PDB file of N, CA and C in Angstrom:
ATOM      1  N   UNK A   1     -14.526  18.347 -74.999  1.00  0.00           N
ATOM      2  CA  UNK A   1     -13.931  18.373 -75.997  1.00  0.00           C
ATOM      3  C   UNK A   1     -12.906  19.332 -74.736  1.00  0.00           C
ATOM      4  N   UNK A   2     -12.455  20.332 -74.601  1.00  0.00           N
ATOM      5  CA  UNK A   2     -11.467  20.751 -73.392  1.00  0.00           C
ATOM      6  C   UNK A   2     -10.643  19.801 -73.233  1.00  0.00           C
ATOM      7  N   UNK A   3     -10.501  18.899 -72.010  1.00  0.00           N
ATOM      8  CA  UNK A   3     -10.707  18.181 -71.655  1.00  0.00           C
ATOM      9  C   UNK A   3      -9.996  16.977 -72.334  1.00  0.00           C
ATOM     10  N   UNK A   4     -10.235  16.667 -73.422  1.00  0.00           N
ATOM     11  CA  UNK A   4      -9.656  15.446 -74.820  1.00  0.00           C
ATOM     12  C   UNK A   4      -8.020  16.382 -74.925  1.00  0.00           C
ATOM     13  N   UNK A   5      -8.352  17.377 -74.986  1.00  0.00           N
ATOM     14  CA  UNK A   5      -6.882  18.644 -76.216  1.00  0.00           C
ATOM     15  C   UNK A   5      -6.061  18.056 -75.275  1.00  0.00           C
ATOM     16  N   UNK A   6      -6.910  18.455 -73.234  1.00  0.00           N
ATOM     17  CA  UNK A   6      -5.589  18.489 -72.246  1.00  0.00           C
ATOM     18  C   UNK A   6      -5.041  17.520 -72.565  1.00  0.00           C
ATOM     19  N   UNK A   7      -6.157  16.737 -72.546  1.00  0.00           N
ATOM     20  CA  UNK A   7      -5.153  15.363 -72.171  1.00  0.00           C
ATOM     21  C   UNK A   7      -4.076  15.217 -72.903  1.00  0.00           C
ATOM     22  N   UNK A   8      -4.496  15.125 -75.051  1.00  0.00           N
ATOM     23  CA  UNK A   8      -3.302  15.086 -75.758  1.00  0.00           C
ATOM     24  C   UNK A   8      -2.339  15.849 -75.840  1.00  0.00           C
ATOM     25  N   UNK A   9      -1.970  16.943 -74.840  1.00  0.00           N
ATOM     26  CA  UNK A   9      -1.228  17.916 -75.305  1.00  0.00           C
ATOM     27  C   UNK A   9      -0.362  17.009 -73.860  1.00  0.00           C
ATOM     28  N   UNK A  10      -1.177  16.971 -72.225  1.00  0.00           N
ATOM     29  CA  UNK A  10      -0.134  16.414 -71.465  1.00  0.00           C
ATOM     30  C   UNK A  10       0.781  15.100 -71.484  1.00  0.00           C
ATOM     31  N   UNK A  11      -0.557  14.495 -72.768  1.00  0.00           N
ATOM     32  CA  UNK A  11       0.286  12.815 -72.948  1.00  0.00           C
ATOM     33  C   UNK A  11       1.643  13.289 -74.144  1.00  0.00           C
ATOM     34  N   UNK A  12       1.531  14.458 -75.236  1.00  0.00           N
ATOM     35  CA  UNK A  12       2.288  14.644 -76.015  1.00  0.00           C
ATOM     36  C   UNK A  12       3.698  15.308 -75.559  1.00  0.00           C
ATOM     37  N   UNK A  13       3.653  15.885 -74.181  1.00  0.00           N
ATOM     38  CA  UNK A  13       4.408  16.943 -73.279  1.00  0.00           C
ATOM     39  C   UNK A  13       5.568  15.428 -72.258  1.00  0.00           C
ATOM     40  N   UNK A  14       4.397  14.860 -71.610  1.00  0.00           N
ATOM     41  CA  UNK A  14       5.073  13.627 -71.061  1.00  0.00           C
ATOM     42  C   UNK A  14       5.753  12.017 -71.897  1.00  0.00           C
ATOM     43  N   UNK A  15       4.836  11.954 -72.786  1.00  0.00           N
ATOM     44  CA  UNK A  15       5.771  10.568 -74.422  1.00  0.00           C
ATOM     45  C   UNK A  15       6.457  11.133 -75.481  1.00  0.00           C
ATOM     46  N   UNK A  16       6.864  10.918 -76.550  1.00  0.00           N
ATOM     47  CA  UNK A  16       6.897  10.626 -77.879  1.00  0.00           C
ATOM     48  C   UNK A  16       5.925  10.217 -78.656  1.00  0.00           C
ATOM     49  N   UNK A  17       4.720  10.815 -78.567  1.00  0.00           N
ATOM     50  CA  UNK A  17       3.318  10.294 -79.569  1.00  0.00           C
ATOM     51  C   UNK A  17       2.946  11.691 -80.152  1.00  0.00           C
ATOM     52  N   UNK A  18       2.447  11.678 -81.844  1.00  0.00           N
ATOM     53  CA  UNK A  18       1.467  11.973 -82.207  1.00  0.00           C
ATOM     54  C   UNK A  18      -0.186  11.893 -82.070  1.00  0.00           C
ATOM     55  N   UNK A  19      -0.355  12.510 -82.634  1.00  0.00           N
ATOM     56  CA  UNK A  19      -1.915  12.010 -82.497  1.00  0.00           C
ATOM     57  C   UNK A  19      -2.915  11.663 -84.667  1.00  0.00           C
ATOM     58  N   UNK A  20      -3.354  11.038 -84.325  1.00  0.00           N
ATOM     59  CA  UNK A  20      -3.032  10.581 -85.780  1.00  0.00           C
ATOM     60  C   UNK A  20      -5.301  10.389 -86.115  1.00  0.00           C
ATOM     61  N   UNK A  21      -5.667  11.365 -85.251  1.00  0.00           N
ATOM     62  CA  UNK A  21      -6.620  11.294 -85.298  1.00  0.00           C
ATOM     63  C   UNK A  21      -7.566   9.951 -85.014  1.00  0.00           C
ATOM     64  N   UNK A  22      -9.146   9.221 -85.348  1.00  0.00           N
ATOM     65  CA  UNK A  22      -9.530   8.969 -84.969  1.00  0.00           C
ATOM     66  C   UNK A  22      -9.170   7.135 -85.093  1.00  0.00           C
ATOM     67  N   UNK A  23      -9.072   6.586 -83.403  1.00  0.00           N
ATOM     68  CA  UNK A  23      -8.300   4.872 -83.758  1.00  0.00           C
ATOM     69  C   UNK A  23      -9.436   4.107 -84.466  1.00  0.00           C
ATOM     70  N   UNK A  24      -8.494   3.075 -84.855  1.00  0.00           N
ATOM     71  CA  UNK A  24      -9.601   2.489 -86.003  1.00  0.00           C
ATOM     72  C   UNK A  24      -9.070   0.721 -85.212  1.00  0.00           C
ATOM     73  N   UNK A  25      -7.557   0.719 -85.044  1.00  0.00           N
ATOM     74  CA  UNK A  25      -6.950  -0.516 -84.625  1.00  0.00           C
ATOM     75  C   UNK A  25      -6.514  -0.293 -83.009  1.00  0.00           C
ATOM     76  N   UNK A  26      -5.657  -1.310 -81.971  1.00  0.00           N
ATOM     77  CA  UNK A  26      -5.218  -0.069 -81.045  1.00  0.00           C
ATOM     78  C   UNK A  26      -4.835  -1.862 -80.075  1.00  0.00           C
ATOM     79  N   UNK A  27      -3.947  -1.464 -80.486  1.00  0.00           N
ATOM     80  CA  UNK A  27      -3.273  -2.962 -79.418  1.00  0.00           C
ATOM     81  C   UNK A  27      -3.863  -4.043 -80.297  1.00  0.00           C
ATOM     82  N   UNK A  28      -4.821  -4.366 -81.526  1.00  0.00           N
ATOM     83  CA  UNK A  28      -4.775  -5.798 -81.963  1.00  0.00           C
ATOM     84  C   UNK A  28      -6.513  -5.769 -81.605  1.00  0.00           C
ATOM     85  N   UNK A  29      -7.065  -4.725 -81.603  1.00  0.00           N
ATOM     86  CA  UNK A  29      -8.024  -5.200 -81.081  1.00  0.00           C
ATOM     87  C   UNK A  29      -8.909  -3.937 -82.026  1.00  0.00           C
ATOM     88  N   UNK A  30     -10.055  -4.441 -83.092  1.00  0.00           N
ATOM     89  CA  UNK A  30     -10.624  -3.193 -83.698  1.00  0.00           C
ATOM     90  C   UNK A  30     -11.413  -2.962 -82.596  1.00  0.00           C
ATOM     91  N   UNK A  31     -11.613  -1.429 -82.955  1.00  0.00           N
ATOM     92  CA  UNK A  31     -12.089  -0.191 -82.745  1.00  0.00           C
ATOM     93  C   UNK A  31     -13.478   0.350 -83.948  1.00  0.00           C
ATOM     94  N   UNK A  32     -15.270  -0.038 -83.571  1.00  0.00           N
ATOM     95  CA  UNK A  32     -15.688   0.658 -84.215  1.00  0.00           C
ATOM     96  C   UNK A  32     -16.777   1.832 -83.282  1.00  0.00           C
ATOM     97  N   UNK A  33     -17.578   3.014 -84.377  1.00  0.00           N
ATOM     98  CA  UNK A  33     -17.763   3.069 -83.591  1.00  0.00           C
ATOM     99  C   UNK A  33     -19.866   3.824 -83.826  1.00  0.00           C
ATOM    100  N   UNK A  34     -20.222   3.622 -82.350  1.00  0.00           N
ATOM    101  CA  UNK A  34     -21.785   3.778 -82.728  1.00  0.00           C
ATOM    102  C   UNK A  34     -22.877   4.558 -82.442  1.00  0.00           C
ATOM    103  N   UNK A  35     -23.705   5.116 -82.904  1.00  0.00           N
ATOM    104  CA  UNK A  35     -24.296   6.568 -82.591  1.00  0.00           C
ATOM    105  C   UNK A  35     -24.897   5.695 -80.730  1.00  0.00           C
ATOM    106  N   UNK A  36     -24.753   4.441 -80.544  1.00  0.00           N
ATOM    107  CA  UNK A  36     -25.009   3.471 -79.181  1.00  0.00           C
ATOM    108  C   UNK A  36     -23.142   3.607 -77.919  1.00  0.00           C
ATOM    109  N   UNK A  37     -22.456   3.632 -78.777  1.00  0.00           N
ATOM    110  CA  UNK A  37     -20.561   3.685 -77.888  1.00  0.00           C
ATOM    111  C   UNK A  37     -20.220   3.123 -79.222  1.00  0.00           C
ATOM    112  N   UNK A  38     -19.493   2.541 -78.656  1.00  0.00           N
ATOM    113  CA  UNK A  38     -17.757   1.690 -78.847  1.00  0.00           C
ATOM    114  C   UNK A  38     -18.259   0.448 -79.129  1.00  0.00           C
ATOM    115  N   UNK A  39     -18.177  -0.744 -80.563  1.00  0.00           N
ATOM    116  CA  UNK A  39     -17.605  -1.834 -80.064  1.00  0.00           C
ATOM    117  C   UNK A  39     -16.836  -1.980 -81.142  1.00  0.00           C
ATOM    118  N   UNK A  40     -15.658  -2.851 -79.861  1.00  0.00           N
ATOM    119  CA  UNK A  40     -14.663  -3.501 -79.936  1.00  0.00           C
ATOM    120  C   UNK A  40     -13.973  -5.259 -80.320  1.00  0.00           C
ATOM    121  N   UNK A  41     -13.446  -4.954 -81.535  1.00  0.00           N
ATOM    122  CA  UNK A  41     -13.716  -6.564 -82.069  1.00  0.00           C
ATOM    123  C   UNK A  41     -12.255  -7.442 -82.383  1.00  0.00           C
ATOM    124  N   UNK A  42     -11.836  -8.946 -81.589  1.00  0.00           N
ATOM    125  CA  UNK A  42     -10.281  -8.840 -81.926  1.00  0.00           C
ATOM    126  C   UNK A  42     -10.406  -9.740 -83.107  1.00  0.00           C
ATOM    127  N   UNK A  43     -10.692 -10.082 -83.742  1.00  0.00           N
ATOM    128  CA  UNK A  43     -10.870 -10.985 -85.040  1.00  0.00           C
ATOM    129  C   UNK A  43      -9.820 -10.873 -85.618  1.00  0.00           C
ATOM    130  N   UNK A  44      -9.339  -9.096 -86.046  1.00  0.00           N
ATOM    131  CA  UNK A  44      -8.930  -8.887 -86.236  1.00  0.00           C
ATOM    132  C   UNK A  44      -7.282  -9.245 -86.174  1.00  0.00           C
ATOM    133  N   UNK A  45      -7.313  -9.636 -84.621  1.00  0.00           N
ATOM    134  CA  UNK A  45      -5.929  -9.886 -84.070  1.00  0.00           C
ATOM    135  C   UNK A  45      -5.594 -11.855 -84.138  1.00  0.00           C
ATOM    136  N   UNK A  46      -6.974 -12.024 -83.957  1.00  0.00           N
ATOM    137  CA  UNK A  46      -6.704 -13.270 -84.698  1.00  0.00           C
ATOM    138  C   UNK A  46      -6.440 -13.423 -85.374  1.00  0.00           C
ATOM    139  N   UNK A  47      -6.923 -13.422 -86.677  1.00  0.00           N
ATOM    140  CA  UNK A  47      -6.843 -13.331 -87.960  1.00  0.00           C
ATOM    141  C   UNK A  47      -5.639 -13.739 -88.241  1.00  0.00           C
ATOM    142  N   UNK A  48      -4.708 -12.808 -88.074  1.00  0.00           N
ATOM    143  CA  UNK A  48      -3.506 -12.362 -88.282  1.00  0.00           C
ATOM    144  C   UNK A  48      -2.445 -13.520 -87.569  1.00  0.00           C
ATOM    145  N   UNK A  49      -2.837 -13.672 -86.341  1.00  0.00           N
ATOM    146  CA  UNK A  49      -1.833 -14.625 -85.552  1.00  0.00           C
ATOM    147  C   UNK A  49      -2.277 -15.522 -86.199  1.00  0.00           C
ATOM    148  N   UNK A  50      -3.492 -16.552 -86.909  1.00  0.00           N
ATOM    149  CA  UNK A  50      -3.875 -17.065 -87.843  1.00  0.00           C
ATOM    150  C   UNK A  50      -2.146 -17.140 -88.860  1.00  0.00           C
ATOM    151  N   UNK A  51      -2.972 -16.391 -89.807  1.00  0.00           N
ATOM    152  CA  UNK A  51      -2.068 -16.001 -90.695  1.00  0.00           C
ATOM    153  C   UNK A  51      -0.456 -16.097 -90.214  1.00  0.00           C
ATOM    154  N   UNK A  52       0.432 -15.859 -88.862  1.00  0.00           N
ATOM    155  CA  UNK A  52       1.056 -15.729 -89.146  1.00  0.00           C
ATOM    156  C   UNK A  52       1.803 -17.242 -88.854  1.00  0.00           C
ATOM    157  N   UNK A  53       0.761 -18.127 -87.819  1.00  0.00           N
ATOM    158  CA  UNK A  53       1.168 -19.205 -87.762  1.00  0.00           C
ATOM    159  C   UNK A  53       1.754 -20.327 -89.141  1.00  0.00           C
ATOM    160  N   UNK A  54       0.307 -20.017 -89.745  1.00  0.00           N
ATOM    161  CA  UNK A  54       0.050 -20.790 -90.829  1.00  0.00           C
ATOM    162  C   UNK A  54       1.500 -20.461 -91.986  1.00  0.00           C
ATOM    163  N   UNK A  55       1.725 -19.453 -91.661  1.00  0.00           N
ATOM    164  CA  UNK A  55       2.852 -18.773 -92.870  1.00  0.00           C
ATOM    165  C   UNK A  55       4.323 -19.405 -91.694  1.00  0.00           C
ATOM    166  N   UNK A  56       4.405 -19.696 -90.914  1.00  0.00           N
ATOM    167  CA  UNK A  56       5.333 -20.658 -90.020  1.00  0.00           C
ATOM    168  C   UNK A  56       5.692 -22.296 -90.641  1.00  0.00           C
ATOM    169  N   UNK A  57       4.347 -22.498 -91.047  1.00  0.00           N
ATOM    170  CA  UNK A  57       4.233 -24.039 -91.166  1.00  0.00           C
ATOM    171  C   UNK A  57       4.030 -25.001 -90.196  1.00  0.00           C
ATOM    172  N   UNK A  58       3.107 -24.389 -88.683  1.00  0.00           N
ATOM    173  CA  UNK A  58       3.174 -25.031 -87.525  1.00  0.00           C
ATOM    174  C   UNK A  58       1.494 -25.551 -88.327  1.00  0.00           C
ATOM    175  N   UNK A  59       1.426 -26.703 -87.738  1.00  0.00           N
ATOM    176  CA  UNK A  59       0.345 -27.427 -87.955  1.00  0.00           C
ATOM    177  C   UNK A  59      -0.389 -28.181 -87.140  1.00  0.00           C
ATOM    178  N   UNK A  60      -1.711 -27.819 -86.715  1.00  0.00           N
ATOM    179  CA  UNK A  60      -3.157 -28.070 -85.473  1.00  0.00           C
ATOM    180  C   UNK A  60      -3.086 -29.561 -85.355  1.00  0.00           C
ATOM    181  N   UNK A  61      -2.994 -29.656 -84.191  1.00  0.00           N
ATOM    182  CA  UNK A  61      -2.665 -30.809 -83.463  1.00  0.00           C
ATOM    183  C   UNK A  61      -4.112 -31.095 -82.610  1.00  0.00           C
ATOM    184  N   UNK A  62      -4.218 -32.509 -82.918  1.00  0.00           N
ATOM    185  CA  UNK A  62      -5.816 -33.021 -81.862  1.00  0.00           C
ATOM    186  C   UNK A  62      -5.569 -33.205 -80.078  1.00  0.00           C
ATOM    187  N   UNK A  63      -6.317 -32.222 -79.597  1.00  0.00           N
ATOM    188  CA  UNK A  63      -6.050 -33.327 -78.573  1.00  0.00           C
ATOM    189  C   UNK A  63      -7.006 -33.843 -77.791  1.00  0.00           C
ATOM    190  N   UNK A  64      -6.546 -35.259 -76.555  1.00  0.00           N
ATOM    191  CA  UNK A  64      -7.666 -35.912 -76.688  1.00  0.00           C
ATOM    192  C   UNK A  64      -9.078 -35.366 -75.993  1.00  0.00           C
ATOM    193  N   UNK A  65      -9.988 -35.557 -75.707  1.00  0.00           N
ATOM    194  CA  UNK A  65     -10.890 -35.369 -74.476  1.00  0.00           C
ATOM    195  C   UNK A  65     -12.088 -36.100 -74.652  1.00  0.00           C
ATOM    196  N   UNK A  66     -12.541 -36.222 -73.752  1.00  0.00           N
ATOM    197  CA  UNK A  66     -14.194 -36.841 -73.638  1.00  0.00           C
ATOM    198  C   UNK A  66     -15.109 -36.161 -73.599  1.00  0.00           C
ATOM    199  N   UNK A  67     -15.683 -36.298 -74.413  1.00  0.00           N
ATOM    200  CA  UNK A  67     -17.263 -34.799 -74.793  1.00  0.00           C
ATOM    201  C   UNK A  67     -17.742 -35.384 -74.431  1.00  0.00           C
ATOM    202  N   UNK A  68     -18.274 -36.663 -72.964  1.00  0.00           N
ATOM    203  CA  UNK A  68     -18.622 -36.955 -72.636  1.00  0.00           C
ATOM    204  C   UNK A  68     -18.900 -36.568 -71.140  1.00  0.00           C
ATOM    205  N   UNK A  69     -17.679 -36.044 -70.332  1.00  0.00           N
ATOM    206  CA  UNK A  69     -16.737 -35.130 -69.456  1.00  0.00           C
ATOM    207  C   UNK A  69     -17.984 -34.253 -68.943  1.00  0.00           C
ATOM    208  N   UNK A  70     -18.088 -33.749 -67.696  1.00  0.00           N
ATOM    209  CA  UNK A  70     -18.512 -32.710 -66.894  1.00  0.00           C
ATOM    210  C   UNK A  70     -17.929 -32.031 -66.199  1.00  0.00           C
ATOM    211  N   UNK A  71     -17.669 -30.725 -65.620  1.00  0.00           N
ATOM    212  CA  UNK A  71     -16.938 -30.469 -64.608  1.00  0.00           C
ATOM    213  C   UNK A  71     -18.173 -29.821 -64.092  1.00  0.00           C
ATOM    214  N   UNK A  72     -18.320 -29.821 -62.713  1.00  0.00           N
ATOM    215  CA  UNK A  72     -19.171 -29.339 -61.428  1.00  0.00           C
ATOM    216  C   UNK A  72     -18.710 -28.042 -61.362  1.00  0.00           C
ATOM    217  N   UNK A  73     -19.805 -26.931 -60.844  1.00  0.00           N
ATOM    218  CA  UNK A  73     -19.896 -25.302 -60.579  1.00  0.00           C
ATOM    219  C   UNK A  73     -18.378 -24.875 -60.905  1.00  0.00           C
ATOM    220  N   UNK A  74     -17.677 -25.686 -59.420  1.00  0.00           N
ATOM    221  CA  UNK A  74     -16.055 -25.320 -59.082  1.00  0.00           C
ATOM    222  C   UNK A  74     -14.880 -25.734 -59.503  1.00  0.00           C
ATOM    223  N   UNK A  75     -15.266 -26.728 -60.912  1.00  0.00           N
ATOM    224  CA  UNK A  75     -14.208 -27.743 -62.502  1.00  0.00           C
ATOM    225  C   UNK A  75     -13.658 -28.377 -61.195  1.00  0.00           C
ATOM    226  N   UNK A  76     -13.386 -28.215 -59.627  1.00  0.00           N
ATOM    227  CA  UNK A  76     -12.404 -29.503 -58.888  1.00  0.00           C
ATOM    228  C   UNK A  76     -13.095 -30.579 -58.525  1.00  0.00           C
ATOM    229  N   UNK A  77     -14.065 -30.977 -59.546  1.00  0.00           N
ATOM    230  CA  UNK A  77     -14.508 -32.380 -60.060  1.00  0.00           C
ATOM    231  C   UNK A  77     -15.266 -33.700 -60.997  1.00  0.00           C
ATOM    232  N   UNK A  78     -14.505 -34.125 -61.159  1.00  0.00           N
ATOM    233  CA  UNK A  78     -15.366 -34.384 -62.781  1.00  0.00           C
ATOM    234  C   UNK A  78     -16.413 -35.366 -62.539  1.00  0.00           C
ATOM    235  N   UNK A  79     -17.636 -34.818 -62.602  1.00  0.00           N
ATOM    236  CA  UNK A  79     -18.931 -35.544 -62.366  1.00  0.00           C
ATOM    237  C   UNK A  79     -18.936 -36.478 -63.647  1.00  0.00           C
ATOM    238  N   UNK A  80     -19.581 -37.476 -63.696  1.00  0.00           N
ATOM    239  CA  UNK A  80     -19.990 -38.323 -64.960  1.00  0.00           C
ATOM    240  C   UNK A  80     -21.276 -38.800 -65.028  1.00  0.00           C
TER     241      UNK A  80
END
């Protein structure tokens, strides 16, 4: 705990910042604390972006793709 306080103090000295407590969302990544650690989830950011583009009236486009085409392990050749 002492290391965390020291780190926060140092970062506040170097950068203009304030401590907002425990993180909820950072850089579009939702952070949830569990007993065994932390879980990171980007669905929040993805949903935000999808919503943003929906409001810009951007429509989805179909991309032609042959679903029977298989790629090899090295992805340098197409295997029929």
